[in-house]
């Protein structure tokens, strides 16, 4: 089963920045940068002026990101074998 299929089959509908970072084996700062650069869609929680805003990423947003930006078979195999 590849990573996208694994995500599709999960019962989870919302992911935190930390959860995405852990799944993809990247830092939380990297995930926040993807959101800031509009590479990954996210729902912002809190006010406009929050220094460290909280974000939630829907399952659909996560799948779109994987399909459109970084998903490759090699990447998938590296993530799934760990």
N, C-alpha and C. Protein backbone atom coordinates (compact mmCIF):
# COMPACT_ATOMS: atom_id res chain seq x y z
N UNK A 1 0.85 -1.18 0.00
CA UNK A 1 0.00 0.00 0.00
C UNK A 1 0.89 1.24 0.00
N UNK A 2 0.63 2.18 -0.86
CA UNK A 2 1.45 3.39 -0.89
C UNK A 2 0.94 4.41 0.14
N UNK A 3 1.71 5.48 0.31
CA UNK A 3 1.41 6.48 1.34
C UNK A 3 0.05 7.12 1.12
N UNK A 4 -0.28 7.48 -0.11
CA UNK A 4 -1.58 8.12 -0.37
C UNK A 4 -2.71 7.17 -0.01
N UNK A 5 -2.59 5.92 -0.39
CA UNK A 5 -3.64 4.95 -0.03
C UNK A 5 -3.73 4.78 1.47
N UNK A 6 -2.59 4.77 2.13
CA UNK A 6 -2.58 4.65 3.59
C UNK A 6 -3.34 5.82 4.23
N UNK A 7 -3.08 7.03 3.76
CA UNK A 7 -3.76 8.22 4.29
C UNK A 7 -5.26 8.14 3.99
N UNK A 8 -5.61 7.76 2.77
CA UNK A 8 -7.03 7.64 2.41
C UNK A 8 -7.77 6.66 3.29
N UNK A 9 -7.10 5.60 3.71
CA UNK A 9 -7.74 4.55 4.51
C UNK A 9 -7.78 4.85 6.00
N UNK A 10 -7.10 5.89 6.44
CA UNK A 10 -7.13 6.24 7.86
C UNK A 10 -8.48 6.84 8.24
N UNK A 11 -8.88 6.61 9.47
CA UNK A 11 -10.14 7.18 9.98
C UNK A 11 -10.00 8.67 10.30
N UNK A 12 -8.81 9.13 10.34
CA UNK A 12 -8.52 10.52 10.70
C UNK A 12 -8.90 11.47 9.56
N UNK A 13 -9.56 12.61 9.90
CA UNK A 13 -9.94 13.60 8.89
C UNK A 13 -9.14 14.89 8.98
N UNK A 14 -8.53 15.16 10.14
CA UNK A 14 -7.74 16.37 10.35
C UNK A 14 -6.38 16.01 10.92
N UNK A 15 -5.36 16.75 10.46
CA UNK A 15 -4.00 16.52 10.91
C UNK A 15 -3.41 17.83 11.41
N UNK A 16 -2.56 17.74 12.43
CA UNK A 16 -1.83 18.91 12.90
C UNK A 16 -0.54 19.04 12.11
N UNK A 17 0.11 20.18 12.26
CA UNK A 17 1.41 20.39 11.63
C UNK A 17 2.38 19.32 12.13
N UNK A 18 2.35 19.04 13.42
CA UNK A 18 3.25 18.04 14.00
C UNK A 18 3.02 16.66 13.39
N UNK A 19 1.76 16.28 13.24
CA UNK A 19 1.45 14.96 12.67
C UNK A 19 1.94 14.84 11.23
N UNK A 20 1.72 15.89 10.43
CA UNK A 20 2.20 15.88 9.04
C UNK A 20 3.73 15.76 9.02
N UNK A 21 4.39 16.53 9.88
CA UNK A 21 5.85 16.49 9.95
C UNK A 21 6.34 15.09 10.31
N UNK A 22 5.69 14.46 11.27
CA UNK A 22 6.10 13.11 11.67
C UNK A 22 5.88 12.10 10.55
N UNK A 23 4.75 12.19 9.87
CA UNK A 23 4.46 11.25 8.78
C UNK A 23 5.48 11.39 7.65
N UNK A 24 5.82 12.64 7.31
CA UNK A 24 6.71 12.90 6.18
C UNK A 24 8.19 12.97 6.57
N UNK A 25 8.47 12.82 7.87
CA UNK A 25 9.86 12.85 8.35
C UNK A 25 10.56 14.16 8.01
N UNK A 26 9.84 15.27 8.25
CA UNK A 26 10.40 16.61 8.06
C UNK A 26 10.13 17.39 9.35
N UNK A 27 10.68 18.59 9.44
CA UNK A 27 10.46 19.41 10.63
C UNK A 27 9.10 20.11 10.55
N UNK A 28 8.62 20.53 11.72
CA UNK A 28 7.38 21.32 11.75
C UNK A 28 7.57 22.63 10.99
N UNK A 29 8.78 23.19 11.07
CA UNK A 29 9.07 24.43 10.34
C UNK A 29 8.91 24.24 8.83
N UNK A 30 9.30 23.10 8.34
CA UNK A 30 9.14 22.80 6.91
C UNK A 30 7.67 22.79 6.53
N UNK A 31 6.86 22.12 7.34
CA UNK A 31 5.42 22.07 7.05
C UNK A 31 4.82 23.47 7.11
N UNK A 32 5.22 24.27 8.11
CA UNK A 32 4.72 25.66 8.20
C UNK A 32 5.14 26.47 6.98
N UNK A 33 6.35 26.24 6.48
CA UNK A 33 6.81 26.94 5.27
C UNK A 33 5.97 26.55 4.06
N UNK A 34 5.64 25.26 3.94
CA UNK A 34 4.78 24.82 2.83
C UNK A 34 3.44 25.54 2.90
N UNK A 35 2.91 25.68 4.11
CA UNK A 35 1.62 26.38 4.29
C UNK A 35 1.78 27.85 3.93
N UNK A 36 2.83 28.48 4.43
CA UNK A 36 3.09 29.90 4.17
C UNK A 36 3.25 30.18 2.67
N UNK A 37 3.88 29.24 1.96
CA UNK A 37 4.12 29.40 0.53
C UNK A 37 2.96 28.89 -0.34
N UNK A 38 1.85 28.55 0.33
CA UNK A 38 0.63 28.06 -0.34
C UNK A 38 0.85 26.76 -1.11
N UNK A 39 1.83 25.99 -0.70
CA UNK A 39 2.03 24.67 -1.30
C UNK A 39 1.11 23.65 -0.65
N UNK A 40 0.82 23.88 0.64
CA UNK A 40 -0.09 23.01 1.37
C UNK A 40 -1.23 23.86 1.92
N UNK A 41 -2.45 23.47 1.60
CA UNK A 41 -3.62 24.17 2.13
C UNK A 41 -3.80 23.78 3.59
N UNK A 42 -4.27 24.75 4.39
CA UNK A 42 -4.50 24.49 5.81
C UNK A 42 -5.58 25.43 6.33
N UNK A 43 -6.16 25.03 7.43
CA UNK A 43 -7.15 25.85 8.12
C UNK A 43 -6.43 26.52 9.29
N UNK A 44 -6.45 27.85 9.30
CA UNK A 44 -5.76 28.59 10.36
C UNK A 44 -6.70 28.76 11.55
N UNK A 45 -6.18 28.44 12.72
CA UNK A 45 -6.93 28.63 13.95
C UNK A 45 -6.34 29.80 14.72
N UNK A 46 -7.17 30.61 15.32
CA UNK A 46 -6.68 31.74 16.10
C UNK A 46 -6.74 33.03 15.32
N UNK A 47 -6.24 34.07 15.93
CA UNK A 47 -6.32 35.41 15.36
C UNK A 47 -5.30 35.68 14.27
N UNK A 48 -5.48 36.81 13.64
CA UNK A 48 -4.59 37.22 12.53
C UNK A 48 -3.19 37.52 13.03
N UNK A 49 -3.08 38.06 14.26
CA UNK A 49 -1.79 38.51 14.75
C UNK A 49 -1.02 37.48 15.56
N UNK A 50 -1.53 36.29 15.66
CA UNK A 50 -0.83 35.25 16.44
C UNK A 50 0.57 35.03 15.87
N UNK A 51 1.56 35.01 16.75
CA UNK A 51 2.93 34.79 16.28
C UNK A 51 3.12 33.38 15.77
N UNK A 52 2.56 32.44 16.48
CA UNK A 52 2.70 31.05 16.05
C UNK A 52 1.29 30.48 15.89
N UNK A 53 0.69 30.77 14.78
CA UNK A 53 -0.67 30.32 14.52
C UNK A 53 -0.72 28.80 14.49
N UNK A 54 -1.86 28.28 14.88
CA UNK A 54 -2.10 26.84 14.78
C UNK A 54 -2.83 26.57 13.48
N UNK A 55 -2.48 25.46 12.87
CA UNK A 55 -3.09 25.07 11.61
C UNK A 55 -3.59 23.63 11.71
N UNK A 56 -4.65 23.36 10.99
CA UNK A 56 -5.12 22.00 10.80
C UNK A 56 -5.16 21.73 9.30
N UNK A 57 -4.78 20.54 8.92
CA UNK A 57 -4.75 20.16 7.52
C UNK A 57 -5.77 19.02 7.34
N UNK A 58 -6.69 19.21 6.43
CA UNK A 58 -7.68 18.15 6.20
C UNK A 58 -7.02 16.99 5.44
N UNK A 59 -7.65 15.85 5.52
CA UNK A 59 -7.16 14.68 4.79
C UNK A 59 -7.06 15.00 3.29
N UNK A 60 -8.07 15.66 2.76
CA UNK A 60 -8.07 16.00 1.34
C UNK A 60 -6.93 16.94 0.99
N UNK A 61 -6.68 17.97 1.84
CA UNK A 61 -5.57 18.89 1.60
C UNK A 61 -4.24 18.14 1.62
N UNK A 62 -4.10 17.19 2.55
CA UNK A 62 -2.87 16.41 2.67
C UNK A 62 -2.65 15.55 1.42
N UNK A 63 -3.69 14.91 0.96
CA UNK A 63 -3.60 14.07 -0.25
C UNK A 63 -3.26 14.92 -1.46
N UNK A 64 -3.91 16.07 -1.60
CA UNK A 64 -3.61 16.98 -2.72
C UNK A 64 -2.15 17.39 -2.69
N UNK A 65 -1.64 17.70 -1.52
CA UNK A 65 -0.24 18.09 -1.40
C UNK A 65 0.68 16.95 -1.86
N UNK A 66 0.40 15.76 -1.38
CA UNK A 66 1.22 14.60 -1.77
C UNK A 66 1.18 14.37 -3.27
N UNK A 67 0.02 14.48 -3.86
CA UNK A 67 -0.12 14.25 -5.30
C UNK A 67 0.53 15.35 -6.13
N UNK A 68 0.49 16.59 -5.65
CA UNK A 68 0.93 17.72 -6.46
C UNK A 68 2.36 18.20 -6.21
N UNK A 69 2.93 17.86 -5.07
CA UNK A 69 4.21 18.50 -4.76
C UNK A 69 5.37 17.57 -4.49
N UNK A 70 5.20 16.56 -3.67
CA UNK A 70 6.39 15.80 -3.30
C UNK A 70 6.25 14.30 -3.49
N UNK A 71 5.11 13.86 -3.89
CA UNK A 71 4.89 12.42 -3.94
C UNK A 71 5.65 11.76 -5.08
N UNK A 72 6.48 10.82 -4.71
CA UNK A 72 7.16 9.96 -5.70
C UNK A 72 7.21 8.56 -5.10
N UNK A 73 7.39 7.59 -5.92
CA UNK A 73 7.46 6.21 -5.42
C UNK A 73 8.64 6.04 -4.48
N UNK A 74 9.78 6.62 -4.79
CA UNK A 74 10.95 6.51 -3.93
C UNK A 74 10.66 7.11 -2.57
N UNK A 75 10.08 8.31 -2.55
CA UNK A 75 9.74 8.97 -1.30
C UNK A 75 8.78 8.09 -0.50
N UNK A 76 7.80 7.57 -1.17
CA UNK A 76 6.79 6.70 -0.55
C UNK A 76 7.44 5.49 0.11
N UNK A 77 8.35 4.85 -0.58
CA UNK A 77 9.01 3.67 -0.04
C UNK A 77 9.85 4.02 1.18
N UNK A 78 10.52 5.16 1.18
CA UNK A 78 11.32 5.58 2.31
C UNK A 78 10.45 5.82 3.54
N UNK A 79 9.31 6.47 3.37
CA UNK A 79 8.41 6.78 4.48
C UNK A 79 7.81 5.49 5.05
N UNK A 80 7.34 4.63 4.18
CA UNK A 80 6.61 3.43 4.63
C UNK A 80 7.50 2.38 5.27
N UNK A 81 8.79 2.36 4.94
CA UNK A 81 9.64 1.31 5.51
C UNK A 81 10.10 1.66 6.92
N UNK A 82 9.87 2.88 7.36
CA UNK A 82 10.31 3.27 8.72
C UNK A 82 9.23 3.08 9.74
